[in-house]
Amino acid sequence: MKKQELIHLHGLLAQVQDHYEGNTGNTVDHDEYTDQGVRPTSIHKSKTDHKAAVFALADGLTDELESDTVEAEPATAD
C-alpha cells in the first residue's frame, strides 16, 4: 500500500472512531494510538509510522466494537 493510501485509510478510521463515539457515547480506548503521536494530518511522518498508527487505531476500534457486541447479546440458558 502506498503512503498516500495509508494516510487516507488512517483518516477514514479516525472518522469511524469519531462517528462511533458520537453516536454511542462510548469512548474507544486508544492509548496506544495516542502515544504514537501520529494523526491522519501528520503527512510528514513516515509510512511505517502511519502503518503502526492504523493498526493501533484499528485494534482499539475492534476491541471496543467486540465488547459492545458482547454486552448487547442476550444471555443464553444452558
Protein backbone atom coordinates (compact mmCIF):
# COMPACT_ATOMS: atom_id res chain seq x y z
CA MET A 1 0.00 0.00 0.00
CA LYS A 2 1.31 3.44 -0.87
CA LYS A 3 1.85 6.09 1.80
CA GLN A 4 -0.93 8.27 0.39
CA GLU A 5 -3.38 5.35 0.54
CA LEU A 6 -2.31 4.56 4.09
CA ILE A 7 -2.87 8.17 5.16
CA HIS A 8 -6.33 8.04 3.55
CA LEU A 9 -7.15 4.82 5.44
CA HIS A 10 -5.86 6.43 8.62
CA GLY A 11 -8.24 9.35 8.09
CA LEU A 12 -11.17 7.04 7.44
CA LEU A 13 -10.51 5.07 10.63
CA ALA A 14 -10.33 8.31 12.59
CA GLN A 15 -13.73 9.28 11.17
CA VAL A 16 -15.15 5.88 12.13
CA GLN A 17 -13.89 6.44 15.67
CA ASP A 18 -15.43 9.92 15.85
CA HIS A 19 -18.73 8.65 14.45
CA TYR A 20 -18.86 5.70 16.85
CA GLU A 21 -18.03 7.81 19.90
CA GLY A 22 -20.51 10.50 18.86
CA ASN A 23 -23.40 8.10 18.30
CA THR A 24 -22.90 5.69 21.19
CA GLY A 25 -21.38 7.88 23.88
CA ASN A 26 -18.74 5.18 24.39
CA THR A 27 -15.08 6.05 24.27
CA VAL A 28 -12.65 3.95 22.28
CA ASP A 29 -9.57 3.01 24.31
CA HIS A 30 -6.81 4.26 22.10
CA ASP A 31 -3.90 4.92 24.45
CA GLU A 32 -1.52 3.01 22.18
CA TYR A 33 -2.69 5.11 19.25
CA THR A 34 -2.34 8.45 21.06
CA ASP A 35 1.07 7.54 22.45
CA GLN A 36 2.40 7.32 18.89
CA GLY A 37 1.61 10.95 18.14
CA VAL A 38 0.69 10.24 14.53
CA ARG A 39 -2.55 11.68 13.18
CA PRO A 40 -4.02 11.45 9.67
CA THR A 41 -2.89 15.04 9.12
CA SER A 42 0.74 14.19 10.04
CA ILE A 43 1.79 13.82 6.43
CA HIS A 44 5.44 14.43 7.29
CA LYS A 45 5.53 11.20 9.35
CA SER A 46 6.84 8.05 7.70
CA LYS A 47 4.80 5.35 6.06
CA THR A 48 5.87 3.00 8.87
CA ASP A 49 4.57 5.44 11.49
CA HIS A 50 1.19 5.68 9.77
CA LYS A 51 1.02 1.91 9.40
CA ALA A 52 1.62 1.45 13.13
CA ALA A 53 -0.99 4.11 13.91
CA VAL A 54 -3.55 2.45 11.62
CA PHE A 55 -3.03 -0.90 13.32
CA ALA A 56 -3.26 0.65 16.80
CA LEU A 57 -6.44 2.55 15.93
CA ALA A 58 -8.00 -0.48 14.24
CA ASP A 59 -7.19 -2.65 17.28
CA GLY A 60 -8.81 -0.12 19.61
CA LEU A 61 -11.90 0.12 17.43
CA THR A 62 -12.35 -3.62 17.02
CA ASP A 63 -11.83 -4.24 20.75
CA GLU A 64 -14.49 -1.65 21.58
CA LEU A 65 -16.92 -2.99 18.98
CA GLU A 66 -16.41 -6.56 20.19
CA SER A 67 -17.05 -5.61 23.81
CA ASP A 68 -20.07 -3.55 22.77
CA THR A 69 -21.45 -6.55 20.85
CA VAL A 70 -20.87 -8.94 23.76
CA GLU A 71 -22.70 -6.60 26.13
CA ALA A 72 -25.62 -6.29 23.71
CA GLU A 73 -26.09 -10.05 23.21
CA PRO A 74 -28.72 -11.66 25.43
CA ALA A 75 -27.56 -14.36 27.81
CA THR A 76 -28.35 -17.88 26.65
CA ALA A 77 -29.66 -20.51 29.01
CA ASP A 78 -27.64 -23.71 29.00
